[in-house]
């Protein structure tokens, strides 16, 4: 909010104060990825996209990639996804109930909320 007190301008938040919008690509064709996409799209200020398989295409400046490790298409594309500069790759395996941040660390996956918590901590 901008205003004046005794003739001096009071500056409110500027564009420089705003956090960058996190860009998240969910990759896979499972019910889990579909449900997670729907949940993440409800979060204001997040740019959430989904690729159901095939070529990843030009992902742009993606910050996070969540891939279903049980889906064959993302599994084949993991080497290319790992090569994206600056993107954190998160693998989910709903069969083994694990979430793996593909830097070597694994986390328990009991609910979709676990994925959301990892994304929030990384921001």
C-alpha atoms as a PDB file:
ATOM      1  CA  UNK A   1       0.000   0.000   0.000  1.00  0.00           C
ATOM      2  CA  UNK A   2       1.341   3.398  -0.915  1.00  0.00           C
ATOM      3  CA  UNK A   3       0.450   6.579   0.915  1.00  0.00           C
ATOM      4  CA  UNK A   4       1.816   9.784   2.376  1.00  0.00           C
ATOM      5  CA  UNK A   5       2.430  10.790   5.950  1.00  0.00           C
ATOM      6  CA  UNK A   6       3.343  14.429   6.465  1.00  0.00           C
ATOM      7  CA  UNK A   7       4.201  14.783   2.794  1.00  0.00           C
ATOM      8  CA  UNK A   8       6.631  11.827   2.678  1.00  0.00           C
ATOM      9  CA  UNK A   9       5.883   8.842   0.523  1.00  0.00           C
ATOM     10  CA  UNK A  10       5.499   5.465   2.190  1.00  0.00           C
ATOM     11  CA  UNK A  11       6.473   2.650  -0.101  1.00  0.00           C
ATOM     12  CA  UNK A  12       4.643  -0.631   0.010  1.00  0.00           C
ATOM     13  CA  UNK A  13       5.927  -3.908  -1.354  1.00  0.00           C
ATOM     14  CA  UNK A  14       7.594  -3.602  -4.724  1.00  0.00           C
ATOM     15  CA  UNK A  15       8.136  -6.181  -7.433  1.00  0.00           C
ATOM     16  CA  UNK A  16      11.682  -6.609  -6.079  1.00  0.00           C
ATOM     17  CA  UNK A  17      10.234  -7.670  -2.703  1.00  0.00           C
ATOM     18  CA  UNK A  18       8.131 -10.440  -4.225  1.00  0.00           C
ATOM     19  CA  UNK A  19       9.436 -14.004  -4.212  1.00  0.00           C
ATOM     20  CA  UNK A  20       9.848 -15.558  -7.644  1.00  0.00           C
ATOM     21  CA  UNK A  21       7.003 -17.837  -8.667  1.00  0.00           C
ATOM     22  CA  UNK A  22       8.126 -21.466  -8.321  1.00  0.00           C
ATOM     23  CA  UNK A  23       7.621 -23.451 -11.520  1.00  0.00           C
ATOM     24  CA  UNK A  24       6.791 -27.111 -10.986  1.00  0.00           C
ATOM     25  CA  UNK A  25       6.512 -29.784 -13.675  1.00  0.00           C
ATOM     26  CA  UNK A  26       4.725 -32.994 -12.713  1.00  0.00           C
ATOM     27  CA  UNK A  27       5.655 -35.793 -15.064  1.00  0.00           C
ATOM     28  CA  UNK A  28       3.657 -38.992 -15.367  1.00  0.00           C
ATOM     29  CA  UNK A  29       0.287 -40.468 -16.184  1.00  0.00           C
ATOM     30  CA  UNK A  30      -0.647 -42.068 -12.862  1.00  0.00           C
ATOM     31  CA  UNK A  31      -3.638 -41.297 -10.680  1.00  0.00           C
ATOM     32  CA  UNK A  32      -1.179 -40.159  -8.003  1.00  0.00           C
ATOM     33  CA  UNK A  33       0.409 -37.540 -10.312  1.00  0.00           C
ATOM     34  CA  UNK A  34      -3.019 -36.436 -11.539  1.00  0.00           C
ATOM     35  CA  UNK A  35      -4.256 -35.956  -7.951  1.00  0.00           C
ATOM     36  CA  UNK A  36      -1.060 -34.213  -6.889  1.00  0.00           C
ATOM     37  CA  UNK A  37      -1.309 -31.849  -9.875  1.00  0.00           C
ATOM     38  CA  UNK A  38      -4.865 -30.912  -8.884  1.00  0.00           C
ATOM     39  CA  UNK A  39      -3.798 -30.260  -5.290  1.00  0.00           C
ATOM     40  CA  UNK A  40      -0.733 -28.180  -6.202  1.00  0.00           C
ATOM     41  CA  UNK A  41      -2.713 -26.044  -8.678  1.00  0.00           C
ATOM     42  CA  UNK A  42      -4.788 -24.818  -5.738  1.00  0.00           C
ATOM     43  CA  UNK A  43      -1.741 -23.116  -4.207  1.00  0.00           C
ATOM     44  CA  UNK A  44      -1.708 -19.463  -5.135  1.00  0.00           C
ATOM     45  CA  UNK A  45       1.557 -18.209  -6.580  1.00  0.00           C
ATOM     46  CA  UNK A  46       2.786 -21.561  -7.931  1.00  0.00           C
ATOM     47  CA  UNK A  47       3.070 -22.282 -11.653  1.00  0.00           C
ATOM     48  CA  UNK A  48       2.145 -25.977 -11.891  1.00  0.00           C
ATOM     49  CA  UNK A  49       2.328 -27.859 -15.184  1.00  0.00           C
ATOM     50  CA  UNK A  50       1.850 -31.503 -16.089  1.00  0.00           C
ATOM     51  CA  UNK A  51       3.297 -33.712 -18.801  1.00  0.00           C
ATOM     52  CA  UNK A  52       1.575 -37.070 -19.130  1.00  0.00           C
ATOM     53  CA  UNK A  53       4.370 -38.799 -21.035  1.00  0.00           C
ATOM     54  CA  UNK A  54       6.315 -38.794 -24.218  1.00  0.00           C
ATOM     55  CA  UNK A  55       8.881 -36.120 -24.878  1.00  0.00           C
ATOM     56  CA  UNK A  56       9.470 -33.600 -22.134  1.00  0.00           C
ATOM     57  CA  UNK A  57       9.790 -30.849 -24.722  1.00  0.00           C
ATOM     58  CA  UNK A  58      11.143 -27.451 -23.727  1.00  0.00           C
ATOM     59  CA  UNK A  59      10.438 -27.182 -19.995  1.00  0.00           C
ATOM     60  CA  UNK A  60      11.631 -23.584 -19.734  1.00  0.00           C
ATOM     61  CA  UNK A  61      12.893 -22.457 -16.360  1.00  0.00           C
ATOM     62  CA  UNK A  62      11.447 -25.243 -14.236  1.00  0.00           C
ATOM     63  CA  UNK A  63      12.470 -25.188 -10.557  1.00  0.00           C
ATOM     64  CA  UNK A  64      11.069 -28.584  -9.537  1.00  0.00           C
ATOM     65  CA  UNK A  65      10.235 -31.751 -11.457  1.00  0.00           C
ATOM     66  CA  UNK A  66       8.114 -34.372  -9.734  1.00  0.00           C
ATOM     67  CA  UNK A  67       8.282 -37.634 -11.675  1.00  0.00           C
ATOM     68  CA  UNK A  68       6.360 -40.848 -11.092  1.00  0.00           C
ATOM     69  CA  UNK A  69       9.068 -43.509 -10.855  1.00  0.00           C
ATOM     70  CA  UNK A  70       6.520 -46.283 -11.498  1.00  0.00           C
ATOM     71  CA  UNK A  71       5.542 -44.811 -14.871  1.00  0.00           C
ATOM     72  CA  UNK A  72       7.668 -46.019 -17.789  1.00  0.00           C
ATOM     73  CA  UNK A  73       7.748 -42.699 -19.689  1.00  0.00           C
ATOM     74  CA  UNK A  74       9.302 -40.623 -16.885  1.00  0.00           C
ATOM     75  CA  UNK A  75      11.690 -43.449 -16.041  1.00  0.00           C
ATOM     76  CA  UNK A  76      13.043 -43.397 -19.602  1.00  0.00           C
ATOM     77  CA  UNK A  77      13.388 -39.607 -19.451  1.00  0.00           C
ATOM     78  CA  UNK A  78      15.157 -39.389 -16.057  1.00  0.00           C
ATOM     79  CA  UNK A  79      18.638 -38.851 -17.537  1.00  0.00           C
ATOM     80  CA  UNK A  80      17.372 -35.880 -19.552  1.00  0.00           C
ATOM     81  CA  UNK A  81      15.368 -34.508 -16.632  1.00  0.00           C
ATOM     82  CA  UNK A  82      18.422 -34.740 -14.351  1.00  0.00           C
ATOM     83  CA  UNK A  83      20.398 -32.664 -16.824  1.00  0.00           C
ATOM     84  CA  UNK A  84      18.137 -29.605 -16.511  1.00  0.00           C
ATOM     85  CA  UNK A  85      20.203 -26.871 -14.912  1.00  0.00           C
ATOM     86  CA  UNK A  86      18.955 -25.728 -11.528  1.00  0.00           C
ATOM     87  CA  UNK A  87      15.906 -28.006 -11.401  1.00  0.00           C
ATOM     88  CA  UNK A  88      15.369 -30.229  -8.370  1.00  0.00           C
ATOM     89  CA  UNK A  89      14.186 -33.681  -9.426  1.00  0.00           C
ATOM     90  CA  UNK A  90      11.806 -35.429  -7.038  1.00  0.00           C
ATOM     91  CA  UNK A  91      10.811 -39.018  -7.727  1.00  0.00           C
ATOM     92  CA  UNK A  92       7.676 -40.513  -6.202  1.00  0.00           C
ATOM     93  CA  UNK A  93       6.967 -44.225  -5.978  1.00  0.00           C
ATOM     94  CA  UNK A  94       3.439 -44.858  -4.764  1.00  0.00           C
ATOM     95  CA  UNK A  95       3.978 -48.637  -4.756  1.00  0.00           C
ATOM     96  CA  UNK A  96       6.964 -48.520  -2.380  1.00  0.00           C
ATOM     97  CA  UNK A  97       5.570 -45.409  -0.627  1.00  0.00           C
ATOM     98  CA  UNK A  98       8.805 -43.467  -1.079  1.00  0.00           C
ATOM     99  CA  UNK A  99       9.696 -39.981  -2.176  1.00  0.00           C
ATOM    100  CA  UNK A 100      13.246 -39.531  -3.428  1.00  0.00           C
ATOM    101  CA  UNK A 101      14.913 -36.209  -3.955  1.00  0.00           C
ATOM    102  CA  UNK A 102      17.262 -37.374  -6.645  1.00  0.00           C
ATOM    103  CA  UNK A 103      20.351 -36.165  -4.942  1.00  0.00           C
ATOM    104  CA  UNK A 104      20.568 -39.444  -3.069  1.00  0.00           C
ATOM    105  CA  UNK A 105      18.220 -38.784  -0.135  1.00  0.00           C
ATOM    106  CA  UNK A 106      14.968 -40.696   0.339  1.00  0.00           C
ATOM    107  CA  UNK A 107      11.995 -39.686   2.459  1.00  0.00           C
ATOM    108  CA  UNK A 108       8.945 -41.669   3.572  1.00  0.00           C
ATOM    109  CA  UNK A 109       5.885 -41.116   1.414  1.00  0.00           C
ATOM    110  CA  UNK A 110       2.709 -41.675   3.382  1.00  0.00           C
ATOM    111  CA  UNK A 111       0.512 -39.083   1.660  1.00  0.00           C
ATOM    112  CA  UNK A 112       0.532 -36.434  -1.041  1.00  0.00           C
ATOM    113  CA  UNK A 113       1.216 -33.939   1.748  1.00  0.00           C
ATOM    114  CA  UNK A 114       4.751 -35.365   1.986  1.00  0.00           C
ATOM    115  CA  UNK A 115       5.481 -34.156  -1.563  1.00  0.00           C
ATOM    116  CA  UNK A 116       4.043 -30.733  -0.738  1.00  0.00           C
ATOM    117  CA  UNK A 117       6.192 -30.510   2.419  1.00  0.00           C
ATOM    118  CA  UNK A 118       9.401 -31.294   0.488  1.00  0.00           C
ATOM    119  CA  UNK A 119       8.571 -28.640  -2.129  1.00  0.00           C
ATOM    120  CA  UNK A 120       7.889 -26.020   0.542  1.00  0.00           C
ATOM    121  CA  UNK A 121      11.121 -26.792   2.422  1.00  0.00           C
ATOM    122  CA  UNK A 122      13.148 -26.468  -0.774  1.00  0.00           C
ATOM    123  CA  UNK A 123      11.781 -22.997  -1.575  1.00  0.00           C
END
